[in-house]
Protein backbone atom coordinates (compact mmCIF):
# COMPACT_ATOMS: atom_id res chain seq x y z
CA UNK A 1 110.29 77.44 65.97
CA UNK A 2 113.89 78.53 66.08
CA UNK A 3 114.61 81.70 68.02
CA UNK A 4 117.26 84.24 67.15
CA UNK A 5 119.12 85.91 70.00
CA UNK A 6 120.81 88.89 68.37
CA UNK A 7 123.30 91.07 70.18
CA UNK A 8 120.50 93.53 70.94
CA UNK A 9 120.58 92.25 74.50
CA UNK A 10 124.30 93.08 74.68
CA UNK A 11 123.87 96.54 73.21
CA UNK A 12 120.89 97.32 75.40
CA UNK A 13 122.86 96.66 78.54
CA UNK A 14 124.76 99.87 78.00
CA UNK A 15 121.62 101.97 78.48
CA UNK A 16 121.10 105.46 77.16
CA UNK A 17 120.01 108.19 79.56
CA UNK A 18 117.57 110.29 77.57
CA UNK A 19 117.42 112.91 80.31
CA UNK A 20 120.89 113.97 79.21
CA UNK A 21 119.45 115.54 76.03
CA UNK A 22 121.46 113.05 74.04
CA UNK A 23 122.50 112.80 70.42
CA UNK A 24 123.14 115.10 67.46
CA UNK A 25 122.58 114.43 63.72
CA UNK A 26 123.65 116.45 60.67
CA UNK A 27 122.46 115.53 57.16
CA UNK A 28 124.17 116.40 53.85
CA UNK A 29 122.82 115.66 50.37
CA UNK A 30 124.88 114.76 47.29
CA UNK A 31 124.68 118.24 45.85
CA UNK A 32 125.88 119.79 49.09
CA UNK A 33 128.93 117.55 49.57
CA UNK A 34 132.36 118.13 48.11
CA UNK A 35 132.64 114.72 46.46
CA UNK A 36 129.00 113.93 45.66
CA UNK A 37 128.47 111.54 48.54
CA UNK A 38 125.51 111.66 50.91
CA UNK A 39 126.50 112.04 54.56
CA UNK A 40 124.89 111.81 57.96
CA UNK A 41 126.46 112.20 61.38
CA UNK A 42 125.40 110.81 64.73
CA UNK A 43 126.67 111.26 68.28
CA UNK A 44 125.33 108.66 70.71
CA UNK A 45 125.57 110.66 73.92
CA UNK A 46 124.96 109.01 77.27
CA UNK A 47 126.79 108.78 80.56
CA UNK A 48 125.92 105.06 80.59
CA UNK A 49 126.92 104.08 77.05
CA UNK A 50 130.11 102.12 76.40
CA UNK A 51 131.41 103.00 72.95
CA UNK A 52 131.99 100.05 70.63
CA UNK A 53 131.32 99.01 67.05
CA UNK A 54 128.37 96.69 66.39
CA UNK A 55 128.27 94.13 63.58
CA UNK A 56 125.62 91.78 62.18
CA UNK A 57 126.75 89.49 59.33
CA UNK A 58 124.47 88.77 56.39
CA UNK A 59 122.50 85.59 57.09
CA UNK A 60 119.82 83.29 55.74
CA UNK A 61 117.04 82.22 58.11
CA UNK A 62 114.82 79.17 58.11
CA UNK A 63 111.04 79.59 57.91
CA UNK A 64 109.56 80.10 61.37
CA UNK A 65 112.64 81.78 62.84
CA UNK A 66 111.71 84.42 65.41
CA UNK A 67 113.69 87.50 66.38
CA UNK A 68 113.84 88.49 70.06
CA UNK A 69 113.56 92.24 70.59
CA UNK A 70 115.20 93.91 73.59
CA UNK A 71 114.85 97.60 74.38
CA UNK A 72 118.07 99.38 73.47
CA UNK A 73 117.93 101.69 76.50
CA UNK A 74 117.40 99.12 79.25
CA UNK A 75 117.86 95.59 77.92
CA UNK A 76 114.23 94.79 78.73
CA UNK A 77 112.77 91.94 76.68
CA UNK A 78 109.86 93.34 74.65
CA UNK A 79 108.73 90.38 72.55
CA UNK A 80 109.32 88.55 69.28
CA UNK A 81 108.77 89.26 65.61
CA UNK A 82 109.15 86.90 62.64
CA UNK A 83 112.57 86.96 61.01
CA UNK A 84 112.82 87.50 57.25
CA UNK A 85 114.41 84.92 54.95
CA UNK A 86 117.63 86.93 54.47
CA UNK A 87 119.20 89.79 56.42
CA UNK A 88 121.93 92.11 55.17
CA UNK A 89 125.32 92.76 56.69
CA UNK A 90 125.46 95.78 59.02
CA UNK A 91 128.54 97.36 60.57
CA UNK A 92 127.83 100.14 63.02
CA UNK A 93 124.93 102.09 61.53
CA UNK A 94 125.52 101.41 57.84
CA UNK A 95 124.70 98.30 55.84
CA UNK A 96 126.23 96.57 52.85
CA UNK A 97 124.03 98.59 50.44
CA UNK A 98 125.23 101.93 51.87
CA UNK A 99 122.00 102.60 53.77
CA UNK A 100 122.77 104.52 56.99
CA UNK A 101 120.53 105.50 59.91
CA UNK A 102 121.06 107.80 62.90
CA UNK A 103 118.65 109.15 65.51
CA UNK A 104 117.90 111.69 68.20
CA UNK A 105 115.26 111.39 70.91
CA UNK A 106 112.90 114.32 71.47
CA UNK A 107 110.33 112.89 73.88
CA UNK A 108 107.27 114.87 72.83
CA UNK A 109 103.85 115.00 74.47
CA UNK A 110 103.83 113.13 77.75
CA UNK A 111 100.43 111.62 76.87
CA UNK A 112 102.14 109.60 74.12
CA UNK A 113 105.08 108.13 76.02
CA UNK A 114 103.65 104.69 76.76
CA UNK A 115 101.95 102.01 74.71
CA UNK A 116 101.06 98.75 76.40
CA UNK A 117 102.12 95.63 74.54
CA UNK A 118 104.39 97.44 72.05
CA UNK A 119 107.46 95.54 70.86
CA UNK A 120 109.51 97.89 68.66
CA UNK A 121 111.67 100.49 70.42
CA UNK A 122 113.65 103.04 68.42
CA UNK A 123 116.98 101.17 68.68
CA UNK A 124 115.47 97.94 67.36
CA UNK A 125 113.80 99.86 64.53
CA UNK A 126 117.20 101.18 63.43
CA UNK A 127 119.07 97.91 63.39
CA UNK A 128 116.24 95.74 62.08
CA UNK A 129 115.62 98.25 59.27
CA UNK A 130 119.31 98.27 58.35
CA UNK A 131 119.26 94.48 58.09
CA UNK A 132 116.21 94.56 55.80
CA UNK A 133 116.63 97.61 53.52
CA UNK A 134 118.42 98.37 50.26
CA UNK A 135 117.41 102.05 50.12
CA UNK A 136 116.39 104.91 52.38
CA UNK A 137 112.77 104.75 51.26
CA UNK A 138 112.68 101.01 51.87
CA UNK A 139 114.02 101.62 55.40
CA UNK A 140 111.23 104.13 56.02
CA UNK A 141 108.67 101.56 54.89
CA UNK A 142 110.21 98.84 57.08
CA UNK A 143 110.12 101.13 60.12
CA UNK A 144 106.52 102.17 59.46
CA UNK A 145 105.34 98.58 58.89
CA UNK A 146 107.05 97.32 62.05
CA UNK A 147 105.38 100.00 64.16
CA UNK A 148 101.99 99.30 62.60
CA UNK A 149 102.24 95.56 63.20
CA UNK A 150 103.98 95.42 66.57
CA UNK A 151 103.46 98.81 68.20
CA UNK A 152 105.98 101.51 69.08
CA UNK A 153 107.59 101.32 72.50
CA UNK A 154 109.66 104.53 72.74
CA UNK A 155 108.90 108.25 72.95
CA UNK A 156 109.31 110.76 70.11
CA UNK A 157 112.21 110.14 67.70
CA UNK A 158 113.86 111.77 64.73
CA UNK A 159 115.71 109.48 62.30
CA UNK A 160 118.33 110.44 59.70
CA UNK A 161 118.12 107.93 56.86
CA UNK A 162 120.48 108.02 53.88
CA UNK A 163 121.38 105.88 50.91
CA UNK A 164 123.80 106.60 48.07
CA UNK A 165 121.32 108.94 46.33
CA UNK A 166 118.90 110.38 48.91
CA UNK A 167 118.82 111.73 52.46
CA UNK A 168 115.60 111.72 54.52
CA UNK A 169 114.52 112.91 57.93
CA UNK A 170 111.75 110.84 59.53
CA UNK A 171 109.99 111.95 62.71
CA UNK A 172 107.57 109.84 64.70
CA UNK A 173 105.81 109.53 68.01
CA UNK A 174 103.72 106.72 69.47
CA UNK A 175 99.96 106.97 69.80
CA UNK A 176 99.97 106.38 73.55
CA UNK A 177 97.70 104.01 75.42
CA UNK A 178 94.70 102.64 73.56
CA UNK A 179 96.10 102.67 70.01
CA UNK A 180 98.93 100.67 68.48
CA UNK A 181 101.71 102.17 66.42
CA UNK A 182 102.86 105.71 65.75
CA UNK A 183 102.15 108.80 63.72
CA UNK A 184 104.99 109.99 61.54
CA UNK A 185 106.26 112.16 58.70
CA UNK A 186 109.31 111.63 56.46
CA UNK A 187 110.74 114.36 54.23
CA UNK A 188 113.47 114.08 51.62
CA UNK A 189 116.12 116.77 51.98
CA UNK A 190 116.29 118.65 48.64
CA UNK A 191 119.48 117.96 46.73
CA UNK A 192 122.06 120.66 47.39
CA UNK A 193 120.73 121.31 50.92
CA UNK A 194 121.67 120.24 54.44
CA UNK A 195 119.63 119.59 57.55
CA UNK A 196 120.05 118.53 61.16
CA UNK A 197 118.25 117.54 64.34
CA UNK A 198 119.34 117.35 67.96
CA UNK A 199 116.71 116.02 70.37
CA UNK A 200 113.87 118.15 69.11
CA UNK A 201 111.33 117.46 66.36
CA UNK A 202 112.02 119.75 63.39
CA UNK A 203 109.45 118.88 60.69
CA UNK A 204 106.78 121.59 60.77
CA UNK A 205 104.29 121.90 57.90
CA UNK A 206 104.76 119.50 55.00
CA UNK A 207 103.38 118.92 51.47
CA UNK A 208 100.34 116.67 51.46
CA UNK A 209 100.51 115.64 47.80
CA UNK A 210 104.17 115.11 46.96
CA UNK A 211 104.86 111.44 47.55
CA UNK A 212 108.28 111.59 45.87
CA UNK A 213 109.55 113.96 48.55
CA UNK A 214 107.22 113.52 51.51
CA UNK A 215 105.65 110.39 53.02
CA UNK A 216 103.48 110.28 56.14
CA UNK A 217 101.15 108.06 58.10
CA UNK A 218 97.56 108.31 56.98
CA UNK A 219 96.38 109.47 60.41
CA UNK A 220 99.17 111.88 61.35
CA UNK A 221 96.75 114.85 61.14
CA UNK A 222 93.44 113.19 62.03
CA UNK A 223 94.95 111.68 65.18
CA UNK A 224 95.88 115.17 66.41
CA UNK A 225 92.46 116.52 65.49
CA UNK A 226 90.72 113.76 67.41
CA UNK A 227 92.86 114.62 70.44
CA UNK A 228 91.91 118.31 69.98
CA UNK A 229 95.59 119.27 69.67
CA UNK A 230 95.05 120.83 66.24
CA UNK A 231 92.26 122.76 64.57
CA UNK A 232 92.20 124.23 61.09
CA UNK A 233 93.02 123.17 57.55
CA UNK A 234 95.29 120.19 56.98
CA UNK A 235 97.79 122.32 55.03
CA UNK A 236 98.49 124.30 58.21
CA UNK A 237 99.23 121.26 60.34
CA UNK A 238 102.62 121.50 62.02
CA UNK A 239 104.04 118.13 63.14
CA UNK A 240 106.67 119.43 65.53
CA UNK A 241 104.58 122.13 67.17
CA UNK A 242 101.65 119.74 67.60
CA UNK A 243 103.44 116.69 68.96
CA UNK A 244 106.49 118.38 70.59
CA UNK A 245 105.97 122.14 71.04
CA UNK A 246 109.34 123.89 71.36
CA UNK A 247 110.14 125.47 74.72
CA UNK A 248 113.23 127.09 76.26
CA UNK A 249 115.02 123.77 76.73
CA UNK A 250 114.10 122.55 73.25
CA UNK A 251 115.71 125.64 71.75
CA UNK A 252 118.64 126.26 74.12
CA UNK A 253 119.74 122.65 74.62
CA UNK A 254 118.71 121.14 71.27
CA UNK A 255 118.04 123.49 68.38
CA UNK A 256 121.21 125.41 69.17
CA UNK A 257 123.30 122.40 68.11
CA UNK A 258 121.69 122.46 64.66
CA UNK A 259 122.25 126.21 64.52
CA UNK A 260 125.91 125.77 65.44
CA UNK A 261 126.41 123.63 62.32
CA UNK A 262 124.26 125.81 60.06
CA UNK A 263 126.16 128.97 61.01
CA UNK A 264 129.43 127.44 59.79
CA UNK A 265 128.14 127.20 56.22
CA UNK A 266 125.60 130.03 56.05
CA UNK A 267 125.78 133.82 56.22
CA UNK A 268 122.17 134.09 57.33
CA UNK A 269 121.92 132.34 60.69
CA UNK A 270 122.44 135.21 63.12
CA UNK A 271 118.75 136.07 62.74
CA UNK A 272 117.93 132.83 64.58
CA UNK A 273 120.35 133.29 67.47
CA UNK A 274 117.73 134.82 69.73
CA UNK A 275 115.50 131.82 69.08
CA UNK A 276 118.16 129.21 69.86
CA UNK A 277 118.99 131.06 73.08
CA UNK A 278 115.48 130.10 74.17
CA UNK A 279 113.41 133.15 73.30
CA UNK A 280 110.36 131.58 71.68
CA UNK A 281 107.86 133.82 69.91
CA UNK A 282 104.20 132.92 69.42
CA UNK A 283 102.99 135.52 66.98
CA UNK A 284 99.34 136.15 66.20
CA UNK A 285 99.87 135.13 62.59
CA UNK A 286 101.77 132.37 60.79
CA UNK A 287 104.30 133.07 58.04
CA UNK A 288 101.60 132.94 55.37
CA UNK A 289 99.53 135.54 57.21
CA UNK A 290 96.84 133.17 58.50
CA UNK A 291 95.81 133.41 62.18
CA UNK A 292 97.95 131.33 64.54
CA UNK A 293 94.96 129.56 66.11
CA UNK A 294 97.06 126.66 67.43
CA UNK A 295 99.61 128.83 69.20
CA UNK A 296 102.60 127.60 67.22
CA UNK A 297 106.06 129.11 67.67
CA UNK A 298 106.64 131.60 64.86
CA UNK A 299 110.38 132.33 64.92
CA UNK A 300 111.82 128.86 64.34
CA UNK A 301 114.75 127.92 62.07
CA UNK A 302 114.16 126.32 58.68
CA UNK A 303 114.31 122.54 58.44
CA UNK A 304 117.06 122.76 55.84
CA UNK A 305 119.37 125.38 54.32
CA UNK A 306 121.58 125.66 51.24
CA UNK A 307 125.22 125.86 52.37
CA UNK A 308 127.55 128.53 51.03
CA UNK A 309 130.21 125.94 50.22
CA UNK A 310 130.55 122.22 49.59
CA UNK A 311 130.97 120.10 52.71
CA UNK A 312 133.71 117.50 53.21
CA UNK A 313 133.85 114.55 55.61
CA UNK A 314 136.41 116.49 57.66
CA UNK A 315 133.97 119.41 57.89
CA UNK A 316 131.42 116.99 59.32
CA UNK A 317 133.94 115.67 61.84
CA UNK A 318 134.67 119.19 63.01
CA UNK A 319 130.99 120.15 63.18
CA UNK A 320 130.66 117.36 65.76
CA UNK A 321 133.30 119.06 67.95
CA UNK A 322 131.62 122.44 68.43
CA UNK A 323 131.39 124.07 71.88
CA UNK A 324 129.68 127.28 70.73
CA UNK A 325 133.08 128.87 70.22
CA UNK A 326 132.93 132.40 68.84
CA UNK A 327 129.42 133.10 70.17
CA UNK A 328 128.32 134.89 73.32
CA UNK A 329 127.61 131.44 74.78
CA UNK A 330 131.20 130.26 74.17
CA UNK A 331 131.77 127.68 76.87
CA UNK A 332 135.49 128.46 77.16
CA UNK A 333 134.91 132.05 78.29
CA UNK A 334 132.83 132.20 81.47
CA UNK A 335 133.88 131.39 85.03
CA UNK A 336 132.61 127.82 84.63
CA UNK A 337 135.51 127.17 82.25
CA UNK A 338 137.91 127.46 85.18
CA UNK A 339 141.50 128.67 84.83
CA UNK A 340 142.18 126.64 81.69
CA UNK A 341 139.24 127.45 79.40
CA UNK A 342 137.53 124.08 79.72
CA UNK A 343 134.40 123.97 77.48
CA UNK A 344 132.72 121.27 79.59
CA UNK A 345 130.28 121.44 82.48
CA UNK A 346 129.61 118.41 84.64
CA UNK A 347 125.99 117.38 85.05
CA UNK A 348 123.27 118.12 86.03
CA UNK A 349 122.32 120.27 83.07
CA UNK A 350 120.28 122.66 85.25
CA UNK A 351 120.93 123.76 88.83
CA UNK A 352 119.55 126.15 91.43
CA UNK A 353 120.92 129.03 93.46
CA UNK A 354 118.72 130.95 95.91
CA UNK A 355 115.61 129.29 94.51
CA UNK A 356 116.33 130.28 90.89
CA UNK A 357 117.11 127.75 88.16
CA UNK A 358 120.15 128.18 85.92
CA UNK A 359 121.51 126.08 83.07
CA UNK A 360 124.73 124.89 81.56
CA UNK A 361 125.04 124.97 77.79
CA UNK A 362 124.48 121.73 75.89
CA UNK A 363 126.92 121.86 72.99
CA UNK A 364 127.50 119.32 70.22
CA UNK A 365 130.90 118.23 71.52
CA UNK A 366 130.28 116.65 74.92
CA UNK A 367 132.08 114.47 77.41
CA UNK A 368 129.36 111.80 77.59
CA UNK A 369 129.56 110.65 73.96
CA UNK A 370 129.75 106.87 73.82
CA UNK A 371 130.42 106.73 70.10
CA UNK A 372 129.88 108.97 67.10
CA UNK A 373 130.18 108.60 63.35
CA UNK A 374 129.94 110.22 59.96
CA UNK A 375 128.71 108.01 57.11
CA UNK A 376 129.46 108.49 53.44
CA UNK A 377 127.39 106.74 50.79
CA UNK A 378 128.98 107.06 47.35
CA UNK A 379 126.97 106.12 44.28
CA UNK A 380 129.90 105.86 41.86
CA UNK A 381 131.53 102.91 43.66
CA UNK A 382 130.40 99.30 44.16
CA UNK A 383 128.34 99.05 47.34
CA UNK A 384 130.89 97.29 49.59
CA UNK A 385 133.46 99.97 48.73
CA UNK A 386 131.13 102.95 48.40
CA UNK A 387 129.95 103.12 52.00
CA UNK A 388 132.30 104.49 54.66
CA UNK A 389 131.60 104.67 58.38
CA UNK A 390 133.97 107.21 59.94
CA UNK A 391 133.76 105.91 63.50
CA UNK A 392 135.00 107.22 66.84
CA UNK A 393 134.46 106.58 70.52
CA UNK A 394 134.25 109.07 73.40
CA UNK A 395 134.16 112.87 73.11
CA UNK A 396 134.38 113.78 69.40
CA UNK A 397 136.42 116.89 70.21
CA UNK A 398 139.31 114.79 71.47
CA UNK A 399 138.77 111.60 69.49
CA UNK A 400 139.73 110.52 65.96
CA UNK A 401 137.39 109.22 63.25
CA UNK A 402 138.68 106.00 61.71
CA UNK A 403 137.38 104.69 58.34
CA UNK A 404 135.39 101.46 58.28
CA UNK A 405 134.18 100.29 54.86
CA UNK A 406 130.54 99.15 54.82
CA UNK A 407 131.64 95.92 53.10
CA UNK A 408 133.86 94.99 56.04
CA UNK A 409 132.94 91.64 57.53
CA UNK A 410 134.92 91.99 60.76
CA UNK A 411 135.16 94.58 63.51
CA UNK A 412 138.55 95.76 64.80
CA UNK A 413 139.48 94.03 68.07
CA UNK A 414 140.00 97.35 69.85
CA UNK A 415 136.46 98.52 68.96
CA UNK A 416 134.69 95.15 69.18
CA UNK A 417 131.62 94.43 71.29
CA UNK A 418 132.66 92.80 74.56
CA UNK A 419 136.16 94.29 74.73
CA UNK A 420 135.64 96.01 78.07
CA UNK A 421 132.60 97.53 79.76
CA UNK A 422 131.84 100.72 81.66
CA UNK A 423 133.06 99.12 84.87
CA UNK A 424 135.49 96.65 83.28
CA UNK A 425 138.87 97.94 82.12
CA UNK A 426 140.52 96.57 78.99
CA UNK A 427 144.06 97.46 77.95
CA UNK A 428 143.11 96.82 74.32
CA UNK A 429 139.91 98.91 74.31
CA UNK A 430 139.68 102.01 72.12
CA UNK A 431 137.02 103.43 74.43
CA UNK A 432 139.37 103.41 77.42
CA UNK A 433 142.36 104.65 75.40
CA UNK A 434 140.46 107.71 74.17
CA UNK A 435 138.86 108.39 77.55
CA UNK A 436 142.26 108.47 79.21
CA UNK A 437 143.43 111.19 76.84
CA UNK A 438 140.26 113.29 76.92
CA UNK A 439 139.83 113.19 80.68
CA UNK A 440 143.46 114.15 81.19
CA UNK A 441 142.96 117.05 78.78
CA UNK A 442 139.99 118.33 80.81
CA UNK A 443 142.41 119.07 83.69
CA UNK A 444 144.39 121.68 81.68
CA UNK A 445 142.37 122.09 78.51
CA UNK A 446 143.90 125.19 76.90
CA UNK A 447 147.39 123.65 77.00
CA UNK A 448 146.76 119.93 76.40
CA UNK A 449 143.88 120.05 73.91
CA UNK A 450 145.80 121.92 71.18
CA UNK A 451 148.21 118.96 71.06
CA UNK A 452 145.27 116.58 70.73
CA UNK A 453 143.72 118.68 67.99
CA UNK A 454 146.99 118.80 66.03
CA UNK A 455 147.44 115.02 66.02
CA UNK A 456 143.73 114.41 65.47
CA UNK A 457 143.68 116.57 62.32
CA UNK A 458 146.93 115.05 61.08
CA UNK A 459 145.63 111.48 61.37
CA UNK A 460 142.24 112.27 59.84
CA UNK A 461 143.84 114.13 56.92
CA UNK A 462 146.10 111.14 56.27
CA UNK A 463 143.18 108.70 56.51
CA UNK A 464 141.10 110.68 54.02
CA UNK A 465 143.98 110.45 51.54
CA UNK A 466 144.47 106.75 52.26
CA UNK A 467 140.79 106.05 51.65
CA UNK A 468 141.12 107.65 48.22
CA UNK A 469 143.96 105.28 47.38
CA UNK A 470 142.23 102.23 48.88
CA UNK A 471 139.09 103.08 46.87
CA UNK A 472 141.03 102.86 43.62
CA UNK A 473 142.76 99.61 44.48
CA UNK A 474 139.59 97.98 45.78
CA UNK A 475 137.56 99.07 42.76
CA UNK A 476 140.08 97.49 40.40
CA UNK A 477 140.14 94.28 42.43
CA UNK A 478 136.34 94.21 42.50
CA UNK A 479 136.21 93.98 38.71
CA UNK A 480 137.99 90.62 38.72
CA UNK A 481 137.70 89.21 42.25
CA UNK A 482 134.95 90.55 44.50
CA UNK A 483 135.92 88.39 47.47
CA UNK A 484 139.52 89.60 47.34
CA UNK A 485 138.33 93.21 47.14
CA UNK A 486 136.17 92.76 50.25
CA UNK A 487 139.07 91.13 52.09
CA UNK A 488 141.28 94.06 51.07
CA UNK A 489 138.94 96.73 52.49
CA UNK A 490 138.28 94.61 55.60
CA UNK A 491 141.98 94.39 56.42
CA UNK A 492 142.46 98.11 55.82
CA UNK A 493 139.51 98.98 58.08
CA UNK A 494 140.59 96.63 60.88
CA UNK A 495 144.30 97.46 60.80
CA UNK A 496 143.76 101.23 60.60
CA UNK A 497 141.42 101.20 63.60
CA UNK A 498 143.60 98.94 65.73
CA UNK A 499 146.76 100.90 64.92
CA UNK A 500 144.97 104.12 65.84
CA UNK A 501 144.09 102.75 69.26
CA UNK A 502 147.67 101.74 70.06
CA UNK A 503 149.00 105.04 68.77
CA UNK A 504 146.55 106.84 71.06
CA UNK A 505 147.67 104.78 74.04
CA UNK A 506 151.25 105.91 73.40
CA UNK A 507 150.00 109.46 72.97
CA UNK A 508 148.50 109.33 76.46
CA UNK A 509 151.84 108.27 77.93
CA UNK A 510 153.54 111.20 76.20
CA UNK A 511 150.92 113.72 77.38
CA UNK A 512 150.98 112.43 80.94
CA UNK A 513 154.74 112.68 81.23
CA UNK A 514 154.78 116.16 79.72
CA UNK A 515 151.92 117.74 81.70
CA UNK A 516 151.68 115.91 85.04
CA UNK A 517 151.56 117.93 88.28
CA UNK A 518 150.69 121.18 86.51
CA UNK A 519 154.12 121.42 84.90
CA UNK A 520 155.13 121.51 81.25
CA UNK A 521 158.25 119.49 80.40
CA UNK A 522 160.14 118.69 77.24
CA UNK A 523 163.31 116.66 76.62
CA UNK A 524 166.67 118.24 77.33
CA UNK A 525 169.20 116.23 75.25
CA UNK A 526 172.36 115.35 77.10
CA UNK A 527 170.99 116.37 80.46
CA UNK A 528 169.53 114.31 83.29
CA UNK A 529 166.50 116.56 83.75
CA UNK A 530 164.10 117.85 81.10
CA UNK A 531 163.35 121.49 80.46
CA UNK A 532 160.69 122.62 82.94
CA UNK A 533 158.08 125.37 82.79
CA UNK A 534 155.47 126.19 85.43
CA UNK A 535 153.01 128.45 83.62
CA UNK A 536 150.51 128.70 86.51
CA UNK A 537 147.18 130.36 85.76
CA UNK A 538 146.15 133.21 83.48
CA UNK A 539 146.26 136.85 84.64
CA UNK A 540 142.47 136.97 84.50
CA UNK A 541 142.14 133.98 86.79
CA UNK A 542 144.66 135.34 89.28
CA UNK A 543 142.60 138.55 89.30
CA UNK A 544 139.46 136.52 90.09
CA UNK A 545 141.27 134.91 93.03
CA UNK A 546 142.28 138.32 94.41
CA UNK A 547 138.75 139.70 93.91
CA UNK A 548 137.28 136.80 95.90
CA UNK A 549 139.89 136.55 98.67
CA UNK A 550 140.88 140.17 99.21
CA UNK A 551 144.00 140.36 101.39
CA UNK A 552 143.77 136.79 102.61
CA UNK A 553 146.54 135.60 100.25
CA UNK A 554 148.52 138.86 100.13
CA UNK A 555 152.27 138.28 100.43
CA UNK A 556 154.11 141.22 102.07
CA UNK A 557 157.02 142.23 99.89
CA UNK A 558 159.27 143.10 102.85
CA UNK A 559 159.34 139.50 104.08
CA UNK A 560 161.76 138.70 101.27
CA UNK A 561 160.72 135.05 100.94
């Protein structure tokens, strides 16, 4: 038999660290978007992930071909599964039919974290499903069948799955030792609504007899009953609270990221702020008045909401940059932000002083993002043109999303797999270009980051307009010459991404010259030296220094120096 060695083994080498509470997904249905597209976002957050753009071309496979499966997190070989006769083209996390998948890990019950002999980990499920699915529901079926046949290797996962008409959230967890596969529930987000998940299971109760909008494994409830984790009527079964009960960390580090997006498009989210701060209530009764015999949390956020305005791709990009600004947990405001309002806290996430444990906030925008994206699936355009992957590497708050059409058959050199590694510098790597800028900005955030934000928004606004023009040209070409249309969108995707990288490299040079050594300089035409300012620190920070040092740094006025 022939064996297929996909680039899973390359991808896996970059290893996620799930202890970092990684990844954020937002989901937008057609009726909730400004242009009628479906959208999902995904931030792949790990301190050990090198950001790059994956690509699998469409291929035909001979009978008997086997696919080697490697765990995405570690590169560990897990086993083989039979390859199908034909696989579809995939670029990043969207395929040629505009099917897109993102994920967040939630862990769940520790009893269910291992399954001897399992082959399919969550990363392999994503990319195998994308290569075998023409719709969101087909992707759900592929994922479920693979887990049933070959076992599920990872811990609890939430998937965002979209096509050009529907958006679904699918949550699953393995059955642990002794049973193969996983229990799972998938719910279609109602049209006109939005949803999100961020490292915590969010599906609670679900309809048992509505197969158009809710699909689930046949034993998702009976499995929990047999384990004595749930008692009562099936209609009261709560997936999340049974398989991953929310605790302080689940709310404060995870649910708060969903809340931060919801609050931007809803006037009704303040009522959940106490919950996302980590104050979990376990009332005696459930919302319908029945006794809370299973001890579920009773003050949780809804799975989806109806936004108060239509959402654009640029809205989604900016949702991915949130640092809890404007809330009492605003990361730019406390002493941890330093003298320059830096909304980042270096790991670990929790720490101790005098035997007591404290935490940093875990916001959506974070320094350890390897790559992130927003997908658009647009039903009114031919598939190769309709799907857009807005892709970026590094911290979304200081990166730029570049458009990659789902019909593209080539990755940009600056984003390509193998162009650099975490401990291998490449002068042509987008990952290193964007990390240079963001890490320099962290040194004097309140002065440098506004310049980044200005250019970032300018480029993204231009690219959104360009995509509109490219859409029209490609659609016309597609009517008479499909191959030429695909070549047209490929060249646009590749050239736009590569040009962005080189522009960002020049941007770093400009920022470094302007802000090095704590100074602020700008050109002084006709003079040898530039204009120079030395703004120092803020009055508040100088006051903190005096409060902590007393007279130690006092400068006597009479010295006259």
